[in-house]
Amino acid sequence: MSDQGTLTVERWLPYPPQEVWRALTDPALLAQWWAAGDVRPTVGHGFTLDMGEFGQQPCHVVAVDPEHLMAYRFSDGAVAPPHDDHLAPSGGRDGHAPVS
């Protein structure tokens, strides 16, 4: 954790960054592993994630770098902190994408 209260979690996934990008930005794929919602990789796009017992959570996209960064924020009063997904080539682990 940094002095700014930021927690970074890095995960290595057995998929190339392009496939992970699709899982983060395709609403049908996102609904399979995270939450249903009309997410689009477009800065300024507003959408709602269905977070089950936590209810409908309004969000908006704040930064996009195709196949590298998808960042969105939950609206004021939401149950979750800012959410940034950074994708990078494996740096030695062929076919794997670290996500932090």
Protein backbone atom coordinates (compact mmCIF):
# COMPACT_ATOMS: atom_id res chain seq x y z
CA MET A 1 0.00 0.00 0.00
CA SER A 2 1.36 3.44 -0.88
CA ASP A 3 1.22 6.53 1.28
CA GLN A 4 -1.77 7.61 -0.85
CA GLY A 5 -3.86 4.66 0.26
CA THR A 6 -3.53 2.76 -3.02
CA LEU A 7 -3.52 -1.01 -3.01
CA THR A 8 -2.04 -2.72 -6.05
CA VAL A 9 -2.69 -6.38 -6.73
CA GLU A 10 -0.82 -8.04 -9.58
CA ARG A 11 -2.06 -11.25 -11.14
CA TRP A 12 -0.59 -13.33 -13.93
CA LEU A 13 -3.27 -14.76 -16.19
CA PRO A 14 -2.68 -17.58 -18.67
CA TYR A 15 -4.04 -15.50 -21.56
CA PRO A 16 -2.54 -12.93 -23.90
CA PRO A 17 -3.33 -9.27 -23.09
CA GLN A 18 -5.74 -9.09 -26.05
CA GLU A 19 -7.98 -11.78 -24.55
CA VAL A 20 -7.88 -10.21 -21.09
CA TRP A 21 -8.80 -6.86 -22.66
CA ARG A 22 -11.88 -8.45 -24.20
CA ALA A 23 -12.85 -9.93 -20.82
CA LEU A 24 -12.64 -6.42 -19.31
CA THR A 25 -14.45 -4.53 -22.07
CA ASP A 26 -17.02 -6.91 -23.56
CA PRO A 27 -20.23 -6.71 -21.48
CA ALA A 28 -21.13 -10.37 -22.06
CA LEU A 29 -17.69 -11.58 -20.98
CA LEU A 30 -17.48 -9.18 -18.03
CA ALA A 31 -20.83 -10.50 -16.76
CA GLN A 32 -19.39 -14.05 -16.70
CA TRP A 33 -16.68 -13.27 -14.15
CA TRP A 34 -17.30 -9.85 -12.52
CA ALA A 35 -20.66 -8.11 -12.93
CA ALA A 36 -23.26 -7.45 -15.60
CA GLY A 37 -23.18 -3.96 -17.07
CA ASP A 38 -22.97 -1.98 -20.30
CA VAL A 39 -19.24 -1.31 -20.04
CA ARG A 40 -17.47 0.25 -23.06
CA PRO A 41 -13.85 1.32 -23.40
CA THR A 42 -14.78 4.95 -24.06
CA VAL A 43 -13.64 7.77 -21.76
CA GLY A 44 -16.70 9.46 -20.25
CA HIS A 45 -18.98 6.47 -20.82
CA GLY A 46 -21.39 5.99 -17.92
CA PHE A 47 -22.68 2.54 -17.06
CA THR A 48 -24.13 0.55 -14.19
CA LEU A 49 -22.71 -2.68 -12.80
CA ASP A 50 -25.09 -5.15 -11.20
CA MET A 51 -23.14 -6.07 -8.07
CA GLY A 52 -25.66 -8.58 -6.74
CA GLU A 53 -26.20 -8.09 -3.02
CA PHE A 54 -24.45 -4.70 -3.25
CA GLY A 55 -27.01 -3.47 -5.77
CA GLN A 56 -26.72 -1.43 -8.95
CA GLN A 57 -23.50 0.59 -8.90
CA PRO A 58 -23.19 3.55 -11.29
CA CYS A 59 -19.73 3.96 -12.83
CA HIS A 60 -17.94 6.03 -15.46
CA VAL A 61 -14.84 5.37 -17.56
CA VAL A 62 -11.97 7.77 -16.80
CA ALA A 63 -9.06 6.40 -18.87
CA VAL A 64 -8.54 3.98 -21.74
CA ASP A 65 -5.43 2.78 -23.55
CA PRO A 66 -6.61 -0.14 -25.71
CA GLU A 67 -5.18 -3.48 -24.57
CA HIS A 68 -3.20 -1.70 -21.80
CA LEU A 69 -5.50 0.25 -19.47
CA MET A 70 -9.19 0.29 -18.57
CA ALA A 71 -9.95 2.61 -15.65
CA TYR A 72 -13.33 3.44 -14.20
CA ARG A 73 -14.70 5.02 -11.10
CA PHE A 74 -17.71 4.11 -9.05
CA SER A 75 -19.97 7.10 -8.39
CA ASP A 76 -20.01 8.90 -5.05
CA GLY A 77 -21.56 6.75 -2.37
CA ALA A 78 -20.73 3.50 -4.16
CA VAL A 79 -19.43 0.50 -2.25
CA ALA A 80 -16.16 0.13 -4.20
CA PRO A 81 -12.97 2.19 -4.61
CA PRO A 82 -11.51 3.36 -7.97
CA HIS A 83 -10.81 0.49 -10.32
CA ASP A 84 -7.91 0.47 -12.80
CA ASP A 85 -6.90 -2.56 -14.86
CA HIS A 86 -3.37 -2.30 -16.30
CA LEU A 87 -2.37 -4.95 -18.84
CA ALA A 88 1.16 -5.67 -19.95
CA PRO A 89 2.96 -8.36 -21.93
CA SER A 90 4.37 -11.10 -19.79
CA GLY A 91 8.00 -10.02 -19.75
CA GLY A 92 9.20 -13.60 -19.93
CA ARG A 93 6.05 -15.61 -19.35
CA ASP A 94 4.93 -16.27 -22.91
CA GLY A 95 1.20 -16.09 -23.33
CA HIS A 96 0.56 -14.62 -19.89
CA ALA A 97 -0.80 -11.19 -19.05
CA PRO A 98 -0.13 -9.50 -15.73
CA VAL A 99 -3.09 -7.47 -14.54
CA SER A 100 -2.69 -4.95 -11.77
